[in-house]
Amino acid sequence: MVNNFTDLRLTGKKFESNTIHFFTNENNEIIKLCDNGDIFVKGKLIENDKEVVDAMREFLKTQGYLNGA
C-alpha cells in the first residue's frame, strides 16, 4: 500500500518533460503531444487533423468513455 506521494514511481517507460502521453489499457502509447507542437499517433508524426481525432476516439474508447462513434 502507498502511504504517501514519495512512494509513487513511474516505471517501464521513459517520459520526456513537457510532453503529454495517452496510453491504452495495455500501456501502448496512442498519442504524444510534444512541447514544440508536434503530435505523434502510435509513434508516427501526424500532419492532418483527422488522424488526431481518430486517435483520440480510440483512446477514449479504450478508457470506456466513448461507445460506438
PDB file of N, CA and C in Angstrom:
ATOM      1  N   MET A   1       0.839  -1.184   0.000  1.00  0.00           N
ATOM      2  CA  MET A   1       0.000   0.000   0.000  1.00  0.00           C
ATOM      3  C   MET A   1       0.878   1.238   0.000  1.00  0.00           C
ATOM      4  N   VAL A   2       0.484   2.257  -0.783  1.00  0.00           N
ATOM      5  CA  VAL A   2       1.229   3.507  -0.854  1.00  0.00           C
ATOM      6  C   VAL A   2       0.798   4.394   0.302  1.00  0.00           C
ATOM      7  N   ASN A   3       1.754   4.805   1.122  1.00  0.00           N
ATOM      8  CA  ASN A   3       1.446   5.624   2.285  1.00  0.00           C
ATOM      9  C   ASN A   3       1.490   7.116   2.004  1.00  0.00           C
ATOM     10  N   ASN A   4       2.333   7.521   1.061  1.00  0.00           N
ATOM     11  CA  ASN A   4       2.418   8.935   0.725  1.00  0.00           C
ATOM     12  C   ASN A   4       2.925   9.074  -0.703  1.00  0.00           C
ATOM     13  N   PHE A   5       2.927  10.291  -1.212  1.00  0.00           N
ATOM     14  CA  PHE A   5       3.298  10.507  -2.605  1.00  0.00           C
ATOM     15  C   PHE A   5       4.757  10.188  -2.899  1.00  0.00           C
ATOM     16  N   THR A   6       5.616  10.190  -1.925  1.00  0.00           N
ATOM     17  CA  THR A   6       7.022   9.866  -2.175  1.00  0.00           C
ATOM     18  C   THR A   6       7.208   8.392  -2.506  1.00  0.00           C
ATOM     19  N   ASP A   7       6.202   7.548  -2.233  1.00  0.00           N
ATOM     20  CA  ASP A   7       6.281   6.128  -2.555  1.00  0.00           C
ATOM     21  C   ASP A   7       5.893   5.825  -4.002  1.00  0.00           C
ATOM     22  N   LEU A   8       5.333   6.800  -4.731  1.00  0.00           N
ATOM     23  CA  LEU A   8       4.893   6.583  -6.102  1.00  0.00           C
ATOM     24  C   LEU A   8       6.078   6.657  -7.054  1.00  0.00           C
ATOM     25  N   ARG A   9       6.123   5.765  -8.034  1.00  0.00           N
ATOM     26  CA  ARG A   9       7.202   5.745  -9.020  1.00  0.00           C
ATOM     27  C   ARG A   9       6.614   5.447 -10.393  1.00  0.00           C
ATOM     28  N   LEU A  10       7.188   6.065 -11.436  1.00  0.00           N
ATOM     29  CA  LEU A  10       6.865   5.717 -12.813  1.00  0.00           C
ATOM     30  C   LEU A  10       7.925   4.734 -13.278  1.00  0.00           C
ATOM     31  N   THR A  11       7.494   3.576 -13.752  1.00  0.00           N
ATOM     32  CA  THR A  11       8.449   2.583 -14.203  1.00  0.00           C
ATOM     33  C   THR A  11       8.030   2.048 -15.559  1.00  0.00           C
ATOM     34  N   GLY A  12       8.982   1.488 -16.284  1.00  0.00           N
ATOM     35  CA  GLY A  12       8.684   0.816 -17.540  1.00  0.00           C
ATOM     36  C   GLY A  12       8.712   1.718 -18.760  1.00  0.00           C
ATOM     37  N   LYS A  13       8.581   3.006 -18.608  1.00  0.00           N
ATOM     38  CA  LYS A  13       8.595   3.936 -19.738  1.00  0.00           C
ATOM     39  C   LYS A  13       9.512   5.093 -19.396  1.00  0.00           C
ATOM     40  N   LYS A  14      10.209   5.608 -20.394  1.00  0.00           N
ATOM     41  CA  LYS A  14      10.996   6.816 -20.208  1.00  0.00           C
ATOM     42  C   LYS A  14      10.134   7.998 -20.646  1.00  0.00           C
ATOM     43  N   PHE A  15       9.828   8.889 -19.722  1.00  0.00           N
ATOM     44  CA  PHE A  15       8.972  10.019 -20.022  1.00  0.00           C
ATOM     45  C   PHE A  15       9.807  11.261 -20.298  1.00  0.00           C
ATOM     46  N   GLU A  16       9.357  12.037 -21.279  1.00  0.00           N
ATOM     47  CA  GLU A  16      10.010  13.288 -21.623  1.00  0.00           C
ATOM     48  C   GLU A  16       9.320  14.419 -20.877  1.00  0.00           C
ATOM     49  N   SER A  17      10.096  15.400 -20.434  1.00  0.00           N
ATOM     50  CA  SER A  17       9.483  16.541 -19.765  1.00  0.00           C
ATOM     51  C   SER A  17       8.709  17.369 -20.791  1.00  0.00           C
ATOM     52  N   ASN A  18       7.676  18.034 -20.343  1.00  0.00           N
ATOM     53  CA  ASN A  18       6.848  18.890 -21.203  1.00  0.00           C
ATOM     54  C   ASN A  18       6.190  18.142 -22.356  1.00  0.00           C
ATOM     55  N   THR A  19       5.942  16.857 -22.182  1.00  0.00           N
ATOM     56  CA  THR A  19       5.281  16.040 -23.194  1.00  0.00           C
ATOM     57  C   THR A  19       4.109  15.320 -22.537  1.00  0.00           C
ATOM     58  N   ILE A  20       2.979  15.269 -23.248  1.00  0.00           N
ATOM     59  CA  ILE A  20       1.789  14.601 -22.731  1.00  0.00           C
ATOM     60  C   ILE A  20       1.589  13.307 -23.512  1.00  0.00           C
ATOM     61  N   HIS A  21       1.418  12.201 -22.779  1.00  0.00           N
ATOM     62  CA  HIS A  21       1.245  10.883 -23.384  1.00  0.00           C
ATOM     63  C   HIS A  21      -0.153  10.347 -23.067  1.00  0.00           C
ATOM     64  N   PHE A  22      -0.760   9.679 -24.034  1.00  0.00           N
ATOM     65  CA  PHE A  22      -2.025   8.975 -23.845  1.00  0.00           C
ATOM     66  C   PHE A  22      -1.775   7.510 -24.172  1.00  0.00           C
ATOM     67  N   PHE A  23      -2.120   6.608 -23.220  1.00  0.00           N
ATOM     68  CA  PHE A  23      -1.873   5.181 -23.377  1.00  0.00           C
ATOM     69  C   PHE A  23      -3.175   4.393 -23.366  1.00  0.00           C
ATOM     70  N   THR A  24      -3.171   3.231 -24.034  1.00  0.00           N
ATOM     71  CA  THR A  24      -4.288   2.299 -23.956  1.00  0.00           C
ATOM     72  C   THR A  24      -4.216   1.572 -22.617  1.00  0.00           C
ATOM     73  N   ASN A  25      -5.220   0.776 -22.338  1.00  0.00           N
ATOM     74  CA  ASN A  25      -5.206  -0.039 -21.119  1.00  0.00           C
ATOM     75  C   ASN A  25      -4.041  -1.025 -21.121  1.00  0.00           C
ATOM     76  N   GLU A  26      -3.549  -1.375 -22.318  1.00  0.00           N
ATOM     77  CA  GLU A  26      -2.423  -2.306 -22.430  1.00  0.00           C
ATOM     78  C   GLU A  26      -1.085  -1.580 -22.345  1.00  0.00           C
ATOM     79  N   ASN A  27      -1.111  -0.288 -21.982  1.00  0.00           N
ATOM     80  CA  ASN A  27       0.091   0.533 -21.814  1.00  0.00           C
ATOM     81  C   ASN A  27       0.813   0.817 -23.127  1.00  0.00           C
ATOM     82  N   ASN A  28       0.064   0.819 -24.237  1.00  0.00           N
ATOM     83  CA  ASN A  28       0.613   1.203 -25.531  1.00  0.00           C
ATOM     84  C   ASN A  28       0.305   2.676 -25.779  1.00  0.00           C
ATOM     85  N   GLU A  29       1.306   3.433 -26.193  1.00  0.00           N
ATOM     86  CA  GLU A  29       1.108   4.855 -26.444  1.00  0.00           C
ATOM     87  C   GLU A  29       0.275   5.059 -27.710  1.00  0.00           C
ATOM     88  N   ILE A  30      -0.828   5.815 -27.593  1.00  0.00           N
ATOM     89  CA  ILE A  30      -1.652   6.154 -28.751  1.00  0.00           C
ATOM     90  C   ILE A  30      -1.283   7.539 -29.262  1.00  0.00           C
ATOM     91  N   ILE A  31      -1.225   8.504 -28.362  1.00  0.00           N
ATOM     92  CA  ILE A  31      -0.969   9.888 -28.750  1.00  0.00           C
ATOM     93  C   ILE A  31       0.136  10.469 -27.878  1.00  0.00           C
ATOM     94  N   LYS A  32       1.012  11.258 -28.504  1.00  0.00           N
ATOM     95  CA  LYS A  32       2.027  12.005 -27.768  1.00  0.00           C
ATOM     96  C   LYS A  32       1.986  13.445 -28.259  1.00  0.00           C
ATOM     97  N   LEU A  33       1.789  14.387 -27.332  1.00  0.00           N
ATOM     98  CA  LEU A  33       1.765  15.808 -27.635  1.00  0.00           C
ATOM     99  C   LEU A  33       3.069  16.412 -27.123  1.00  0.00           C
ATOM    100  N   CYS A  34       3.881  16.945 -28.023  1.00  0.00           N
ATOM    101  CA  CYS A  34       5.194  17.482 -27.663  1.00  0.00           C
ATOM    102  C   CYS A  34       5.136  18.994 -27.452  1.00  0.00           C
ATOM    103  N   ASP A  35       6.074  19.498 -26.665  1.00  0.00           N
ATOM    104  CA  ASP A  35       6.084  20.924 -26.351  1.00  0.00           C
ATOM    105  C   ASP A  35       6.394  21.801 -27.562  1.00  0.00           C
ATOM    106  N   ASN A  36       6.943  21.234 -28.628  1.00  0.00           N
ATOM    107  CA  ASN A  36       7.204  22.018 -29.833  1.00  0.00           C
ATOM    108  C   ASN A  36       6.018  22.031 -30.803  1.00  0.00           C
ATOM    109  N   GLY A  37       4.900  21.389 -30.397  1.00  0.00           N
ATOM    110  CA  GLY A  37       3.697  21.368 -31.223  1.00  0.00           C
ATOM    111  C   GLY A  37       3.527  20.106 -32.048  1.00  0.00           C
ATOM    112  N   ASP A  38       4.546  19.262 -32.098  1.00  0.00           N
ATOM    113  CA  ASP A  38       4.424  18.011 -32.842  1.00  0.00           C
ATOM    114  C   ASP A  38       3.425  17.089 -32.151  1.00  0.00           C
ATOM    115  N   ILE A  39       2.662  16.353 -32.957  1.00  0.00           N
ATOM    116  CA  ILE A  39       1.720  15.361 -32.452  1.00  0.00           C
ATOM    117  C   ILE A  39       2.058  14.029 -33.110  1.00  0.00           C
ATOM    118  N   PHE A  40       2.247  13.004 -32.274  1.00  0.00           N
ATOM    119  CA  PHE A  40       2.538  11.671 -32.770  1.00  0.00           C
ATOM    120  C   PHE A  40       1.369  10.755 -32.437  1.00  0.00           C
ATOM    121  N   VAL A  41       0.978   9.917 -33.397  1.00  0.00           N
ATOM    122  CA  VAL A  41      -0.034   8.893 -33.176  1.00  0.00           C
ATOM    123  C   VAL A  41       0.631   7.554 -33.443  1.00  0.00           C
ATOM    124  N   LYS A  42       0.665   6.721 -32.408  1.00  0.00           N
ATOM    125  CA  LYS A  42       1.309   5.405 -32.482  1.00  0.00           C
ATOM    126  C   LYS A  42       2.726   5.520 -33.028  1.00  0.00           C
ATOM    127  N   GLY A  43       3.458   6.560 -32.585  1.00  0.00           N
ATOM    128  CA  GLY A  43       4.844   6.743 -32.959  1.00  0.00           C
ATOM    129  C   GLY A  43       5.084   7.472 -34.269  1.00  0.00           C
ATOM    130  N   LYS A  44       4.027   7.804 -34.999  1.00  0.00           N
ATOM    131  CA  LYS A  44       4.162   8.456 -36.305  1.00  0.00           C
ATOM    132  C   LYS A  44       3.792   9.931 -36.201  1.00  0.00           C
ATOM    133  N   LEU A  45       4.658  10.819 -36.721  1.00  0.00           N
ATOM    134  CA  LEU A  45       4.368  12.244 -36.746  1.00  0.00           C
ATOM    135  C   LEU A  45       3.147  12.489 -37.622  1.00  0.00           C
ATOM    136  N   ILE A  46       2.167  13.220 -37.079  1.00  0.00           N
ATOM    137  CA  ILE A  46       0.896  13.426 -37.767  1.00  0.00           C
ATOM    138  C   ILE A  46       0.837  14.815 -38.383  1.00  0.00           C
ATOM    139  N   GLU A  47       0.277  14.857 -39.579  1.00  0.00           N
ATOM    140  CA  GLU A  47       0.171  16.115 -40.312  1.00  0.00           C
ATOM    141  C   GLU A  47      -1.266  16.547 -40.577  1.00  0.00           C
ATOM    142  N   ASN A  48      -2.269  15.684 -40.278  1.00  0.00           N
ATOM    143  CA  ASN A  48      -3.645  16.129 -40.527  1.00  0.00           C
ATOM    144  C   ASN A  48      -4.544  15.878 -39.322  1.00  0.00           C
ATOM    145  N   ASP A  49      -5.556  16.717 -39.205  1.00  0.00           N
ATOM    146  CA  ASP A  49      -6.445  16.694 -38.040  1.00  0.00           C
ATOM    147  C   ASP A  49      -7.239  15.400 -37.900  1.00  0.00           C
ATOM    148  N   LYS A  50      -7.637  14.787 -38.998  1.00  0.00           N
ATOM    149  CA  LYS A  50      -8.458  13.573 -38.934  1.00  0.00           C
ATOM    150  C   LYS A  50      -7.724  12.448 -38.196  1.00  0.00           C
ATOM    151  N   GLU A  51      -6.430  12.311 -38.433  1.00  0.00           N
ATOM    152  CA  GLU A  51      -5.662  11.270 -37.750  1.00  0.00           C
ATOM    153  C   GLU A  51      -5.623  11.519 -36.237  1.00  0.00           C
ATOM    154  N   VAL A  52      -5.541  12.778 -35.838  1.00  0.00           N
ATOM    155  CA  VAL A  52      -5.531  13.111 -34.405  1.00  0.00           C
ATOM    156  C   VAL A  52      -6.893  12.800 -33.794  1.00  0.00           C
ATOM    157  N   VAL A  53      -7.963  13.189 -34.478  1.00  0.00           N
ATOM    158  CA  VAL A  53      -9.318  12.928 -33.978  1.00  0.00           C
ATOM    159  C   VAL A  53      -9.559  11.420 -33.860  1.00  0.00           C
ATOM    160  N   ASP A  54      -9.173  10.662 -34.875  1.00  0.00           N
ATOM    161  CA  ASP A  54      -9.362   9.205 -34.840  1.00  0.00           C
ATOM    162  C   ASP A  54      -8.587   8.580 -33.675  1.00  0.00           C
ATOM    163  N   ALA A  55      -7.364   9.056 -33.442  1.00  0.00           N
ATOM    164  CA  ALA A  55      -6.562   8.519 -32.338  1.00  0.00           C
ATOM    165  C   ALA A  55      -7.176   8.876 -30.992  1.00  0.00           C
ATOM    166  N   MET A  56      -7.694  10.084 -30.858  1.00  0.00           N
ATOM    167  CA  MET A  56      -8.330  10.484 -29.591  1.00  0.00           C
ATOM    168  C   MET A  56      -9.581   9.644 -29.351  1.00  0.00           C
ATOM    169  N   ARG A  57     -10.352   9.371 -30.395  1.00  0.00           N
ATOM    170  CA  ARG A  57     -11.525   8.488 -30.245  1.00  0.00           C
ATOM    171  C   ARG A  57     -11.103   7.097 -29.790  1.00  0.00           C
ATOM    172  N   GLU A  58     -10.022   6.571 -30.384  1.00  0.00           N
ATOM    173  CA  GLU A  58      -9.532   5.248 -29.981  1.00  0.00           C
ATOM    174  C   GLU A  58      -9.134   5.247 -28.509  1.00  0.00           C
ATOM    175  N   PHE A  59      -8.421   6.291 -28.087  1.00  0.00           N
ATOM    176  CA  PHE A  59      -8.029   6.395 -26.682  1.00  0.00           C
ATOM    177  C   PHE A  59      -9.253   6.422 -25.774  1.00  0.00           C
ATOM    178  N   LEU A  60     -10.234   7.264 -26.102  1.00  0.00           N
ATOM    179  CA  LEU A  60     -11.449   7.370 -25.273  1.00  0.00           C
ATOM    180  C   LEU A  60     -12.212   6.056 -25.233  1.00  0.00           C
ATOM    181  N   LYS A  61     -12.256   5.330 -26.346  1.00  0.00           N
ATOM    182  CA  LYS A  61     -12.931   4.023 -26.358  1.00  0.00           C
ATOM    183  C   LYS A  61     -12.221   3.041 -25.437  1.00  0.00           C
ATOM    184  N   THR A  62     -10.877   2.987 -25.503  1.00  0.00           N
ATOM    185  CA  THR A  62     -10.148   2.033 -24.661  1.00  0.00           C
ATOM    186  C   THR A  62     -10.282   2.354 -23.184  1.00  0.00           C
ATOM    187  N   GLN A  63     -10.574   3.612 -22.853  1.00  0.00           N
ATOM    188  CA  GLN A  63     -10.749   4.015 -21.460  1.00  0.00           C
ATOM    189  C   GLN A  63     -12.196   3.894 -21.004  1.00  0.00           C
ATOM    190  N   GLY A  64     -13.109   3.528 -21.929  1.00  0.00           N
ATOM    191  CA  GLY A  64     -14.511   3.338 -21.576  1.00  0.00           C
ATOM    192  C   GLY A  64     -15.334   4.620 -21.557  1.00  0.00           C
ATOM    193  N   TYR A  65     -14.814   5.698 -22.148  1.00  0.00           N
ATOM    194  CA  TYR A  65     -15.531   6.969 -22.147  1.00  0.00           C
ATOM    195  C   TYR A  65     -16.322   7.213 -23.422  1.00  0.00           C
ATOM    196  N   LEU A  66     -16.145   6.384 -24.438  1.00  0.00           N
ATOM    197  CA  LEU A  66     -16.819   6.591 -25.713  1.00  0.00           C
ATOM    198  C   LEU A  66     -17.270   5.242 -26.241  1.00  0.00           C
ATOM    199  N   ASN A  67     -18.509   5.174 -26.633  1.00  0.00           N
ATOM    200  CA  ASN A  67     -19.046   3.928 -27.186  1.00  0.00           C
ATOM    201  C   ASN A  67     -19.488   4.160 -28.628  1.00  0.00           C
ATOM    202  N   GLY A  68     -19.143   3.232 -29.511  1.00  0.00           N
ATOM    203  CA  GLY A  68     -19.625   3.284 -30.885  1.00  0.00           C
ATOM    204  C   GLY A  68     -18.924   4.264 -31.789  1.00  0.00           C
ATOM    205  N   ALA A  69     -19.214   5.521 -31.699  1.00  0.00           N
ATOM    206  CA  ALA A  69     -18.798   6.616 -32.592  1.00  0.00           C
ATOM    207  C   ALA A  69     -17.788   6.293 -33.634  1.00  0.00           C
TER     208      ALA A  69
END
